[in-house]
């Protein structure tokens, strides 16, 4: 036993020595690249190589900041998203404070930092916040780096559900790279790497599009994009073992989406045995989520809970938003599998509320995308002015004027929608003073009608009608109008009274829930009544029967027969 211990200690010490030698060799290699000012290669080695870089010399400011950015990447890869985000904001401030000294290195450093900040917010489910950062910190960058950011805008559109637009932007990026003959956009050795990265992003986009629509053609397109990326890089000396392992994970995920659960299980097991994947927090988390999902659909509930718990017990790591949402859904399914309806329904509701929250954020995100695209119009217009000068001066001036006017009108409309325009509030207070005479229709300004209808749509999308306090008087206060105006608008534009309008929304919601969420069918009518916002079960049953021509119990029985 003592001999074995000595052998183990000796082996451990030798391993540390070998690792240190490898680390020192990598540090010397990177240091040599920095001394020769080979920026792109040094950046690539710092970012992509699995090394612990040691500072061997004093470096110019731009390399000092590049090394600091690399240390933030280490935090990001460990899943410490909030900490890495805070560190990035400090570095970005340092970059902006030293803009004059950095000169030509200002834009590339700023681009690297903003890109990583955007992806951190994406991991946390805050795409709109990522877009705000992108807008704020990228305004002074050179045009070539604005072009590089097409990837971010493509990803943003995809995350916000505009898959077609996102993929169009990615295709445009592929064209930019292909036509970059002088390597102004990317260095020669990065050409294939960036092309493959764009194809992989397209593959991810098609996966999301498939999940949204269920159309198998998108699954085929994703597989084609992933294979294109793999074939471009397979013979490249810059194709890392980690990237090869990611291709295996994508194969496993595709098999899962194809409902080939046994094949997916085998592939995820191979992923779990791959040290390149399991040594990194994010990919390890994704593999475990894949295993949990596979086990769920194979009815291996104990194994599913085992992998969910592994993710939950992961120390020093922040689970990505997308995986958090997936875990909530898997918890609901697995509790249903073991007959624990209470917890199944609990996690189903949490999952739905999270989806509603992110959908509301997406409205903000889409607003910022609109602003960015208008800024791109202005930038391209300015470029055209430089190239065409006098020949196109009048035409370009018109384009800039229209673009600027569009932005002004868009911001104006956005502020009006948010009730920051004081004139609207004054006008609505005036309306409150007008008495309502029953039987005589009130004359209401069309703009006010449209504003109230838009606000009603927002309340509907937020499912505010499920509250017990969704009453005419309370709603009128929320909308800064009076009950007479609100009642007449609902009557004229919804074709029903206020009480009919509320009942219609609530019953439609419950019917949709019953159709899509089998867990709800197992609960009492009283529970459903409370879920829909009714204080009285009798009122709920009456409203349900009026809408569907059948009682809730009969409706559930029919759904079970269909299933």
Protein backbone atom coordinates (compact mmCIF):
# COMPACT_ATOMS: atom_id res chain seq x y z
CA UNK A 1 0.00 0.00 0.00
CA UNK A 2 2.85 2.38 0.92
CA UNK A 3 4.60 1.57 -2.37
CA UNK A 4 1.41 2.33 -4.31
CA UNK A 5 1.07 5.68 -2.55
CA UNK A 6 4.66 6.60 -3.43
CA UNK A 7 4.12 5.62 -7.05
CA UNK A 8 0.93 7.71 -7.18
CA UNK A 9 2.68 10.76 -5.64
CA UNK A 10 5.59 10.40 -8.08
CA UNK A 11 3.18 10.13 -11.04
CA UNK A 12 1.28 13.20 -9.80
CA UNK A 13 4.48 15.27 -9.48
CA UNK A 14 5.64 14.20 -12.94
CA UNK A 15 2.25 15.18 -14.40
CA UNK A 16 2.52 18.65 -12.84
CA UNK A 17 6.04 19.04 -14.20
CA UNK A 18 4.98 18.00 -17.74
CA UNK A 19 1.96 20.33 -17.59
CA UNK A 20 4.12 23.24 -16.46
CA UNK A 21 6.58 22.58 -19.26
CA UNK A 22 3.74 22.57 -21.82
CA UNK A 23 2.32 25.75 -20.30
CA UNK A 24 5.75 27.44 -20.31
CA UNK A 25 6.31 26.42 -23.95
CA UNK A 26 2.94 27.89 -24.97
CA UNK A 27 3.68 31.08 -23.04
CA UNK A 28 7.05 31.44 -24.78
CA UNK A 29 5.40 30.85 -28.18
CA UNK A 30 2.75 33.52 -27.53
CA UNK A 31 5.38 35.89 -26.11
CA UNK A 32 7.40 35.46 -29.33
CA UNK A 33 4.32 36.30 -31.44
CA UNK A 34 3.73 39.43 -29.35
CA UNK A 35 7.34 40.53 -29.72
CA UNK A 36 6.96 40.22 -33.52
CA UNK A 37 3.62 42.07 -33.29
CA UNK A 38 1.77 39.21 -34.99
CA UNK A 39 -1.55 40.41 -33.59
CA UNK A 40 -3.98 37.90 -35.15
CA UNK A 41 -1.92 34.81 -34.32
CA UNK A 42 -1.30 36.02 -30.75
CA UNK A 43 -5.01 36.70 -30.31
CA UNK A 44 -5.88 33.27 -31.73
CA UNK A 45 -3.42 31.48 -29.44
CA UNK A 46 -4.57 33.39 -26.36
CA UNK A 47 -8.24 32.73 -27.08
CA UNK A 48 -8.42 29.25 -28.55
CA UNK A 49 -5.49 27.32 -27.17
CA UNK A 50 -5.96 25.45 -23.90
CA UNK A 51 -3.02 27.20 -22.22
CA UNK A 52 -2.31 29.04 -19.02
CA UNK A 53 -0.46 32.07 -20.38
CA UNK A 54 2.26 33.53 -18.17
CA UNK A 55 3.48 37.07 -18.75
CA UNK A 56 7.17 36.84 -19.59
CA UNK A 57 7.83 40.50 -20.50
CA UNK A 58 6.39 43.96 -20.33
CA UNK A 59 3.92 44.46 -23.18
CA UNK A 60 2.52 47.47 -25.04
CA UNK A 61 -0.90 48.64 -23.89
CA UNK A 62 -2.84 46.90 -26.69
CA UNK A 63 -1.35 43.50 -25.80
CA UNK A 64 -1.82 44.17 -22.10
CA UNK A 65 -5.55 44.69 -22.79
CA UNK A 66 -5.71 41.66 -25.10
CA UNK A 67 -4.28 39.45 -22.32
CA UNK A 68 -6.84 40.90 -19.88
CA UNK A 69 -9.62 40.06 -22.35
CA UNK A 70 -8.29 36.50 -22.49
CA UNK A 71 -8.53 36.22 -18.70
CA UNK A 72 -12.21 37.22 -18.99
CA UNK A 73 -12.68 34.47 -21.59
CA UNK A 74 -11.46 31.98 -18.98
CA UNK A 75 -14.20 33.18 -16.60
CA UNK A 76 -16.76 32.89 -19.40
CA UNK A 77 -15.72 29.32 -20.23
CA UNK A 78 -16.09 28.42 -16.55
CA UNK A 79 -19.71 29.58 -16.72
CA UNK A 80 -19.17 32.65 -14.52
CA UNK A 81 -21.25 34.92 -16.73
CA UNK A 82 -22.07 37.82 -14.37
CA UNK A 83 -18.45 38.07 -13.17
CA UNK A 84 -17.06 37.99 -16.70
CA UNK A 85 -19.62 40.62 -17.77
CA UNK A 86 -18.56 42.98 -14.96
CA UNK A 87 -14.88 42.46 -15.83
CA UNK A 88 -15.58 43.19 -19.51
CA UNK A 89 -17.31 46.47 -18.70
CA UNK A 90 -14.22 47.56 -16.73
CA UNK A 91 -11.93 46.62 -19.64
CA UNK A 92 -14.17 48.41 -22.17
CA UNK A 93 -13.93 51.56 -20.03
CA UNK A 94 -10.14 51.19 -20.04
CA UNK A 95 -10.16 50.77 -23.84
CA UNK A 96 -12.30 53.91 -24.30
CA UNK A 97 -10.19 55.92 -21.83
CA UNK A 98 -7.05 55.08 -23.83
CA UNK A 99 -8.51 55.50 -27.32
CA UNK A 100 -5.91 58.03 -28.49
CA UNK A 101 -2.96 55.95 -27.30
CA UNK A 102 -4.35 52.71 -28.78
CA UNK A 103 -4.81 54.29 -32.24
CA UNK A 104 -5.46 51.51 -34.81
CA UNK A 105 -5.85 48.90 -32.05
CA UNK A 106 -8.85 50.69 -30.53
CA UNK A 107 -11.41 49.18 -32.92
CA UNK A 108 -10.19 45.54 -32.81
CA UNK A 109 -9.97 45.55 -29.00
CA UNK A 110 -13.35 47.19 -28.67
CA UNK A 111 -14.85 44.70 -31.14
CA UNK A 112 -13.47 41.72 -29.19
CA UNK A 113 -14.79 43.09 -25.88
CA UNK A 114 -18.25 44.04 -27.17
CA UNK A 115 -18.64 40.69 -28.95
CA UNK A 116 -17.93 38.79 -25.74
CA UNK A 117 -20.23 41.06 -23.75
CA UNK A 118 -23.04 40.39 -26.24
CA UNK A 119 -22.61 36.61 -25.94
CA UNK A 120 -22.58 36.80 -22.14
CA UNK A 121 -25.95 38.59 -22.17
CA UNK A 122 -27.22 36.01 -24.69
CA UNK A 123 -26.23 33.19 -22.31
CA UNK A 124 -28.16 34.96 -19.57
CA UNK A 125 -31.24 35.33 -21.83
CA UNK A 126 -30.84 39.12 -22.13
CA UNK A 127 -30.50 39.63 -25.89
CA UNK A 128 -32.02 43.12 -25.72
CA UNK A 129 -29.41 44.14 -23.12
CA UNK A 130 -26.69 42.72 -25.35
CA UNK A 131 -28.00 44.85 -28.22
CA UNK A 132 -27.96 47.94 -26.01
CA UNK A 133 -24.29 47.35 -25.25
CA UNK A 134 -23.60 46.72 -28.93
CA UNK A 135 -25.24 50.01 -29.87
CA UNK A 136 -23.56 52.06 -27.16
CA UNK A 137 -20.00 50.76 -27.41
CA UNK A 138 -19.71 50.22 -31.19
CA UNK A 139 -20.60 53.66 -32.52
CA UNK A 140 -16.99 54.85 -32.97
CA UNK A 141 -15.54 51.67 -34.49
CA UNK A 142 -14.08 51.49 -38.01
CA UNK A 143 -16.43 50.31 -40.77
CA UNK A 144 -14.61 46.98 -41.25
CA UNK A 145 -15.41 46.06 -37.65
CA UNK A 146 -19.03 47.06 -38.12
CA UNK A 147 -18.99 44.57 -40.97
CA UNK A 148 -17.54 41.90 -38.69
CA UNK A 149 -20.44 42.47 -36.33
CA UNK A 150 -22.88 41.07 -38.89
CA UNK A 151 -22.50 37.77 -37.06
CA UNK A 152 -23.87 39.35 -33.86
CA UNK A 153 -26.83 40.90 -35.67
CA UNK A 154 -27.55 37.54 -37.34
CA UNK A 155 -27.50 35.83 -33.94
CA UNK A 156 -29.70 38.56 -32.43
CA UNK A 157 -32.37 38.17 -35.12
CA UNK A 158 -32.30 34.39 -34.63
CA UNK A 159 -32.63 34.68 -30.84
CA UNK A 160 -35.57 37.07 -31.30
CA UNK A 161 -37.34 34.58 -33.58
CA UNK A 162 -36.71 36.22 -36.97
CA UNK A 163 -34.90 33.18 -38.37
CA UNK A 164 -35.21 34.13 -42.04
CA UNK A 165 -33.65 37.56 -41.49
CA UNK A 166 -30.91 36.09 -39.29
CA UNK A 167 -29.95 33.51 -41.90
CA UNK A 168 -29.97 36.17 -44.64
CA UNK A 169 -27.45 38.18 -42.60
CA UNK A 170 -25.29 35.08 -42.11
CA UNK A 171 -25.37 34.39 -45.86
CA UNK A 172 -24.31 37.99 -46.44
CA UNK A 173 -21.40 37.42 -44.04
CA UNK A 174 -20.35 34.30 -45.98
CA UNK A 175 -20.35 36.38 -49.15
CA UNK A 176 -18.25 39.10 -47.46
CA UNK A 177 -15.67 36.52 -46.38
CA UNK A 178 -15.59 34.88 -49.83
CA UNK A 179 -15.03 38.24 -51.56
CA UNK A 180 -12.41 39.39 -49.03
CA UNK A 181 -9.58 38.78 -51.51
CA UNK A 182 -7.17 41.21 -49.84
CA UNK A 183 -7.91 39.82 -46.36
CA UNK A 184 -9.00 43.17 -44.99
CA UNK A 185 -11.85 41.59 -43.04
CA UNK A 186 -10.03 38.52 -41.72
CA UNK A 187 -6.43 37.32 -41.91
CA UNK A 188 -5.67 34.51 -44.33
CA UNK A 189 -5.38 31.87 -41.61
CA UNK A 190 -8.72 33.00 -40.11
CA UNK A 191 -10.61 32.80 -43.42
CA UNK A 192 -11.67 29.14 -43.06
CA UNK A 193 -12.24 29.43 -39.32
CA UNK A 194 -14.67 32.36 -39.70
CA UNK A 195 -16.42 30.66 -42.64
CA UNK A 196 -16.92 27.50 -40.55
CA UNK A 197 -18.13 29.56 -37.57
CA UNK A 198 -20.76 31.19 -39.78
CA UNK A 199 -21.95 27.82 -41.10
CA UNK A 200 -22.20 26.46 -37.54
CA UNK A 201 -24.25 29.51 -36.54
CA UNK A 202 -26.53 28.86 -39.54
CA UNK A 203 -26.89 25.26 -38.33
CA UNK A 204 -27.93 26.52 -34.88
CA UNK A 205 -30.42 28.89 -36.52
CA UNK A 206 -32.05 26.09 -38.51
CA UNK A 207 -32.29 24.00 -35.33
CA UNK A 208 -34.19 26.83 -33.61
CA UNK A 209 -36.39 27.30 -36.68
CA UNK A 210 -37.21 23.59 -36.64
CA UNK A 211 -38.11 23.75 -32.93
CA UNK A 212 -40.38 26.69 -33.68
CA UNK A 213 -42.20 25.18 -36.68
CA UNK A 214 -41.59 21.41 -36.59
CA UNK A 215 -40.73 21.43 -40.32
CA UNK A 216 -38.15 18.70 -41.00
CA UNK A 217 -36.59 20.59 -43.91
CA UNK A 218 -34.95 22.91 -41.37
CA UNK A 219 -33.43 19.93 -39.60
CA UNK A 220 -31.95 18.79 -42.93
CA UNK A 221 -30.62 22.31 -43.52
CA UNK A 222 -28.99 22.38 -40.10
CA UNK A 223 -27.25 19.07 -40.75
CA UNK A 224 -25.99 20.36 -44.12
CA UNK A 225 -24.62 23.56 -42.51
CA UNK A 226 -22.86 21.63 -39.73
CA UNK A 227 -21.28 19.27 -42.28
CA UNK A 228 -20.12 22.23 -44.40
CA UNK A 229 -18.40 23.71 -41.33
CA UNK A 230 -16.77 20.36 -40.47
CA UNK A 231 -15.55 19.70 -44.02
CA UNK A 232 -14.03 23.20 -44.27
CA UNK A 233 -12.00 22.71 -41.09
CA UNK A 234 -11.28 18.96 -40.94
CA UNK A 235 -7.86 19.25 -42.65
CA UNK A 236 -6.94 22.60 -41.13
CA UNK A 237 -4.08 22.79 -38.59
CA UNK A 238 -6.26 25.27 -36.71
CA UNK A 239 -9.12 22.79 -36.23
CA UNK A 240 -8.95 22.21 -32.48
CA UNK A 241 -9.91 18.97 -30.73
CA UNK A 242 -12.65 20.87 -28.93
CA UNK A 243 -14.24 21.95 -32.22
CA UNK A 244 -14.13 18.34 -33.43
CA UNK A 245 -15.83 17.27 -30.21
CA UNK A 246 -18.52 19.92 -30.70
CA UNK A 247 -19.36 18.34 -34.06
CA UNK A 248 -20.05 15.07 -32.19
CA UNK A 249 -22.36 16.96 -29.79
CA UNK A 250 -24.25 18.49 -32.72
CA UNK A 251 -24.78 15.01 -34.19
CA UNK A 252 -26.19 13.84 -30.85
CA UNK A 253 -28.51 16.85 -30.58
CA UNK A 254 -29.77 16.34 -34.15
CA UNK A 255 -30.53 12.67 -33.41
CA UNK A 256 -32.48 13.79 -30.33
CA UNK A 257 -34.55 16.23 -32.38
CA UNK A 258 -35.23 13.46 -34.92
CA UNK A 259 -36.63 11.46 -31.95
CA UNK A 260 -33.98 8.77 -32.45
CA UNK A 261 -33.62 8.53 -28.70
CA UNK A 262 -31.47 5.38 -28.54
CA UNK A 263 -29.04 6.79 -31.14
CA UNK A 264 -29.01 10.12 -29.30
CA UNK A 265 -28.31 8.32 -26.01
CA UNK A 266 -25.33 6.49 -27.54
CA UNK A 267 -23.91 9.71 -29.03
CA UNK A 268 -24.39 11.69 -25.80
CA UNK A 269 -22.60 8.90 -23.91
CA UNK A 270 -19.67 9.32 -26.33
CA UNK A 271 -19.81 13.05 -25.64
CA UNK A 272 -19.77 12.39 -21.89
CA UNK A 273 -16.59 10.35 -22.31
CA UNK A 274 -14.89 13.09 -24.32
CA UNK A 275 -12.56 15.13 -22.07
CA UNK A 276 -12.50 18.07 -24.52
CA UNK A 277 -16.25 18.59 -24.00
CA UNK A 278 -16.47 17.70 -20.33
CA UNK A 279 -13.59 19.96 -19.24
CA UNK A 280 -15.52 23.06 -20.27
CA UNK A 281 -18.51 24.18 -18.20
CA UNK A 282 -20.83 25.20 -21.00
CA UNK A 283 -20.37 22.09 -23.18
CA UNK A 284 -20.49 19.83 -20.10
CA UNK A 285 -23.78 21.44 -19.11
CA UNK A 286 -25.18 20.95 -22.65
CA UNK A 287 -24.17 17.27 -22.68
CA UNK A 288 -25.88 16.67 -19.33
CA UNK A 289 -29.03 18.44 -20.51
CA UNK A 290 -28.97 16.23 -23.63
CA UNK A 291 -28.60 13.12 -21.47
CA UNK A 292 -31.45 14.25 -19.20
CA UNK A 293 -33.73 14.91 -22.18
CA UNK A 294 -32.91 11.55 -23.79
CA UNK A 295 -33.57 9.70 -20.53
CA UNK A 296 -36.85 11.60 -20.12
CA UNK A 297 -38.22 10.42 -23.47
CA UNK A 298 -36.94 6.88 -22.87
CA UNK A 299 -38.91 6.95 -19.58
CA UNK A 300 -35.69 6.49 -17.57
CA UNK A 301 -36.90 8.94 -14.95
CA UNK A 302 -34.27 8.16 -12.29
CA UNK A 303 -31.46 8.78 -14.79
CA UNK A 304 -33.13 12.00 -15.98
CA UNK A 305 -33.30 13.34 -12.42
CA UNK A 306 -29.68 12.23 -11.90
CA UNK A 307 -28.42 14.44 -14.76
CA UNK A 308 -30.68 17.36 -13.82
CA UNK A 309 -29.24 17.20 -10.29
CA UNK A 310 -25.70 17.11 -11.69
CA UNK A 311 -26.36 20.41 -13.46
CA UNK A 312 -28.03 21.86 -10.37
CA UNK A 313 -25.11 20.83 -8.14
CA UNK A 314 -22.46 22.20 -10.49
CA UNK A 315 -20.37 24.58 -8.40
CA UNK A 316 -18.90 27.89 -9.54
CA UNK A 317 -20.97 27.86 -12.73
CA UNK A 318 -23.94 29.85 -14.01
CA UNK A 319 -26.35 27.74 -16.07
CA UNK A 320 -27.21 29.35 -19.43
CA UNK A 321 -30.75 30.74 -19.78
CA UNK A 322 -31.68 28.37 -22.61
CA UNK A 323 -30.67 25.34 -20.55
CA UNK A 324 -32.48 26.67 -17.47
CA UNK A 325 -35.66 26.79 -19.53
CA UNK A 326 -35.07 23.26 -20.86
CA UNK A 327 -34.51 21.94 -17.31
CA UNK A 328 -37.81 23.44 -16.09
CA UNK A 329 -39.61 21.65 -18.94
CA UNK A 330 -37.82 18.35 -18.21
CA UNK A 331 -38.69 18.59 -14.51
CA UNK A 332 -42.36 19.00 -15.44
CA UNK A 333 -42.28 15.96 -17.75
CA UNK A 334 -40.44 13.73 -15.30
CA UNK A 335 -42.69 14.61 -12.36
CA UNK A 336 -45.63 13.78 -14.62
CA UNK A 337 -43.96 10.43 -15.45
CA UNK A 338 -43.86 9.49 -11.76
CA UNK A 339 -47.40 10.71 -11.09
CA UNK A 340 -46.44 13.81 -9.07
CA UNK A 341 -49.00 16.11 -10.72
CA UNK A 342 -48.52 18.93 -8.24
CA UNK A 343 -44.83 19.42 -9.07
CA UNK A 344 -45.43 18.69 -12.76
CA UNK A 345 -47.92 21.56 -12.96
CA UNK A 346 -45.71 23.82 -10.83
CA UNK A 347 -42.73 23.55 -13.17
CA UNK A 348 -44.92 23.77 -16.27
CA UNK A 349 -46.26 27.11 -15.03
CA UNK A 350 -42.79 28.43 -14.14
CA UNK A 351 -41.61 27.46 -17.61
CA UNK A 352 -44.53 29.28 -19.28
CA UNK A 353 -44.02 32.42 -17.18
CA UNK A 354 -40.33 32.48 -18.17
CA UNK A 355 -41.28 32.20 -21.85
CA UNK A 356 -43.73 35.11 -21.42
CA UNK A 357 -41.00 37.18 -19.76
CA UNK A 358 -38.49 36.58 -22.54
CA UNK A 359 -41.15 37.33 -25.19
CA UNK A 360 -41.71 40.73 -23.59
CA UNK A 361 -37.94 41.35 -23.68
CA UNK A 362 -37.91 40.39 -27.34
CA UNK A 363 -40.20 43.34 -28.17
CA UNK A 364 -37.51 45.63 -26.74
CA UNK A 365 -34.82 43.70 -28.63
CA UNK A 366 -36.64 44.07 -31.93
CA UNK A 367 -36.89 47.82 -31.33
CA UNK A 368 -33.11 48.03 -30.93
CA UNK A 369 -32.53 45.93 -34.03
CA UNK A 370 -34.63 48.43 -35.95
CA UNK A 371 -32.43 51.25 -34.70
CA UNK A 372 -29.25 49.38 -35.62
CA UNK A 373 -30.42 48.68 -39.14
CA UNK A 374 -31.26 52.35 -39.60
CA UNK A 375 -27.78 53.25 -38.37
CA UNK A 376 -26.36 50.84 -40.94
CA UNK A 377 -28.33 52.69 -43.65
CA UNK A 378 -26.75 55.97 -42.53
CA UNK A 379 -23.24 54.45 -42.45
CA UNK A 380 -23.61 52.94 -45.92
CA UNK A 381 -25.02 56.23 -47.17
CA UNK A 382 -21.98 58.13 -45.87
CA UNK A 383 -19.71 55.63 -47.58
CA UNK A 384 -21.56 56.18 -50.83
CA UNK A 385 -21.04 59.94 -50.47
CA UNK A 386 -17.29 59.43 -50.20
CA UNK A 387 -17.20 57.15 -53.26
CA UNK A 388 -19.54 59.02 -55.58
CA UNK A 389 -19.08 62.62 -54.37
CA UNK A 390 -20.86 65.10 -56.65
CA UNK A 391 -22.50 62.58 -59.02
CA UNK A 392 -24.74 61.07 -56.33
CA UNK A 393 -24.83 63.96 -53.88
CA UNK A 394 -28.53 64.85 -54.22
CA UNK A 395 -29.71 61.22 -54.18
CA UNK A 396 -27.61 60.30 -51.15
CA UNK A 397 -28.70 63.41 -49.25
CA UNK A 398 -32.31 62.33 -49.76
CA UNK A 399 -31.49 58.80 -48.49
CA UNK A 400 -29.81 60.16 -45.36
CA UNK A 401 -32.70 62.56 -44.75
CA UNK A 402 -35.28 59.74 -45.09
CA UNK A 403 -33.25 57.43 -42.84
CA UNK A 404 -32.84 60.11 -40.18
CA UNK A 405 -36.52 61.01 -40.40
CA UNK A 406 -37.41 57.32 -40.02
CA UNK A 407 -35.31 57.08 -36.84
CA UNK A 408 -36.87 60.25 -35.40
CA UNK A 409 -40.40 59.04 -36.17
CA UNK A 410 -39.63 55.58 -34.77
CA UNK A 411 -38.28 57.02 -31.50
CA UNK A 412 -41.21 59.44 -31.34
CA UNK A 413 -43.67 56.56 -31.79
CA UNK A 414 -41.84 54.47 -29.18
CA UNK A 415 -42.02 57.29 -26.64
CA UNK A 416 -45.70 57.87 -27.37
CA UNK A 417 -46.33 54.17 -26.85
CA UNK A 418 -44.59 54.36 -23.46
CA UNK A 419 -46.75 57.34 -22.39
CA UNK A 420 -43.78 59.69 -22.12
CA UNK A 421 -45.38 62.20 -24.42
CA UNK A 422 -47.04 64.68 -22.05
CA UNK A 423 -49.65 65.85 -24.54
CA UNK A 424 -51.30 62.43 -24.57
CA UNK A 425 -51.66 62.36 -20.81
CA UNK A 426 -53.20 65.84 -20.85
CA UNK A 427 -55.61 64.84 -23.61
CA UNK A 428 -56.66 61.73 -21.69
CA UNK A 429 -57.25 63.74 -18.50
CA UNK A 430 -59.55 65.98 -20.52
CA UNK A 431 -61.47 62.89 -21.70
CA UNK A 432 -61.98 61.82 -18.08
CA UNK A 433 -63.96 64.98 -17.45
CA UNK A 434 -66.51 64.23 -20.20
CA UNK A 435 -69.64 62.52 -18.80
CA UNK A 436 -71.06 59.47 -20.55
CA UNK A 437 -74.71 59.55 -21.54
CA UNK A 438 -76.10 56.04 -21.90
CA UNK A 439 -77.37 55.23 -25.39
CA UNK A 440 -75.51 58.14 -27.03
CA UNK A 441 -72.19 57.09 -28.56
CA UNK A 442 -69.22 59.22 -27.51
CA UNK A 443 -67.01 60.83 -30.16
CA UNK A 444 -63.51 59.56 -29.40
CA UNK A 445 -60.36 60.73 -31.13
CA UNK A 446 -58.99 58.02 -33.48
CA UNK A 447 -55.46 58.38 -32.11
CA UNK A 448 -56.72 57.77 -28.57
CA UNK A 449 -58.69 54.72 -29.73
CA UNK A 450 -55.59 53.25 -31.40
CA UNK A 451 -53.50 53.89 -28.29
CA UNK A 452 -55.99 52.15 -26.01
CA UNK A 453 -56.36 49.20 -28.39
CA UNK A 454 -52.56 48.83 -28.53
CA UNK A 455 -52.35 48.91 -24.73
CA UNK A 456 -55.10 46.29 -24.54
CA UNK A 457 -53.08 44.06 -26.88
CA UNK A 458 -50.05 44.41 -24.59
CA UNK A 459 -52.16 43.47 -21.55
CA UNK A 460 -53.56 40.48 -23.44
CA UNK A 461 -50.09 39.24 -24.46
CA UNK A 462 -49.01 39.60 -20.82
CA UNK A 463 -52.08 37.57 -19.71
CA UNK A 464 -53.09 40.30 -17.25
CA UNK A 465 -56.71 39.14 -17.66
CA UNK A 466 -55.95 36.15 -15.37
CA UNK A 467 -55.89 38.49 -12.36
CA UNK A 468 -58.96 38.77 -10.11
CA UNK A 469 -58.49 42.55 -10.30
CA UNK A 470 -58.93 42.70 -14.08
CA UNK A 471 -62.01 44.94 -13.76
CA UNK A 472 -63.26 47.81 -15.89
CA UNK A 473 -62.43 50.52 -13.34
CA UNK A 474 -58.94 49.17 -12.60
CA UNK A 475 -58.18 48.70 -16.28
CA UNK A 476 -59.33 52.24 -17.12
CA UNK A 477 -56.85 53.60 -14.53
CA UNK A 478 -54.02 51.52 -16.00
CA UNK A 479 -54.78 52.87 -19.47
CA UNK A 480 -55.12 56.51 -18.29
CA UNK A 481 -58.69 56.79 -19.55
CA UNK A 482 -62.21 56.53 -18.08
CA UNK A 483 -64.62 53.61 -17.89
CA UNK A 484 -67.06 55.14 -20.39
CA UNK A 485 -64.46 55.50 -23.12
CA UNK A 486 -62.95 52.08 -22.42
CA UNK A 487 -66.32 50.35 -22.38
CA UNK A 488 -67.37 51.93 -25.69
CA UNK A 489 -64.03 51.11 -27.41
CA UNK A 490 -64.25 47.45 -26.36
CA UNK A 491 -67.87 47.31 -27.47
CA UNK A 492 -67.18 48.84 -30.89
CA UNK A 493 -63.83 47.20 -31.69
CA UNK A 494 -64.14 43.85 -29.93
CA UNK A 495 -67.84 43.41 -30.67
CA UNK A 496 -68.78 42.56 -27.08
CA UNK A 497 -69.29 43.97 -23.60
CA UNK A 498 -66.40 44.22 -21.14
CA UNK A 499 -67.51 41.15 -19.14
CA UNK A 500 -67.87 39.13 -22.37
CA UNK A 501 -64.44 40.35 -23.45
CA UNK A 502 -62.80 39.17 -20.19
CA UNK A 503 -64.62 35.83 -20.23
CA UNK A 504 -63.60 35.30 -23.85
CA UNK A 505 -59.90 35.87 -23.05
CA UNK A 506 -59.97 33.66 -19.95
CA UNK A 507 -61.80 30.73 -21.53
CA UNK A 508 -59.59 30.87 -24.66
CA UNK A 509 -56.57 30.69 -22.35
CA UNK A 510 -57.89 27.69 -20.40
CA UNK A 511 -58.91 25.87 -23.60
CA UNK A 512 -55.41 26.39 -25.00
CA UNK A 513 -53.85 25.16 -21.75
CA UNK A 514 -56.05 22.06 -21.70
CA UNK A 515 -55.13 21.26 -25.29
CA UNK A 516 -51.39 21.79 -24.89
CA UNK A 517 -50.74 20.92 -21.25
CA UNK A 518 -52.05 17.48 -20.26
CA UNK A 519 -51.04 18.15 -16.63
CA UNK A 520 -53.82 20.74 -16.24
CA UNK A 521 -56.47 18.16 -17.18
CA UNK A 522 -55.75 16.23 -13.97
CA UNK A 523 -56.75 19.09 -11.71
CA UNK A 524 -60.13 19.93 -10.22
CA UNK A 525 -62.52 22.36 -11.89
CA UNK A 526 -62.05 24.64 -8.88
CA UNK A 527 -58.26 24.80 -9.52
CA UNK A 528 -58.85 25.62 -13.19
CA UNK A 529 -61.32 28.30 -12.17
CA UNK A 530 -58.73 30.02 -9.95
CA UNK A 531 -56.08 29.61 -12.66
CA UNK A 532 -58.35 31.49 -15.08
CA UNK A 533 -58.93 34.36 -12.60
CA UNK A 534 -62.47 33.46 -11.43
CA UNK A 535 -63.46 33.72 -7.80
CA UNK A 536 -66.57 31.61 -8.39
CA UNK A 537 -66.37 28.10 -9.88
CA UNK A 538 -70.01 28.40 -10.97
CA UNK A 539 -69.25 31.56 -12.96
CA UNK A 540 -66.29 29.77 -14.60
CA UNK A 541 -68.39 26.74 -15.62
CA UNK A 542 -71.12 29.02 -17.00
CA UNK A 543 -68.62 31.08 -19.02
CA UNK A 544 -66.87 27.93 -20.28
CA UNK A 545 -70.14 26.35 -21.42
CA UNK A 546 -71.25 29.55 -23.16
CA UNK A 547 -67.97 29.71 -25.09
CA UNK A 548 -67.47 26.00 -25.93
CA UNK A 549 -71.05 24.68 -25.76
CA UNK A 550 -69.88 22.07 -23.23
CA UNK A 551 -68.76 21.88 -19.59
CA UNK A 552 -65.08 21.74 -18.57
CA UNK A 553 -65.44 18.09 -17.46
CA UNK A 554 -66.98 17.02 -20.77
CA UNK A 555 -64.35 18.96 -22.72
CA UNK A 556 -61.50 17.22 -20.82
CA UNK A 557 -63.14 13.82 -21.42
CA UNK A 558 -63.23 14.50 -25.17
CA UNK A 559 -59.56 15.53 -25.18
CA UNK A 560 -58.56 12.32 -23.40
CA UNK A 561 -60.50 10.26 -25.95
CA UNK A 562 -58.68 12.04 -28.79
CA UNK A 563 -55.29 11.40 -27.14
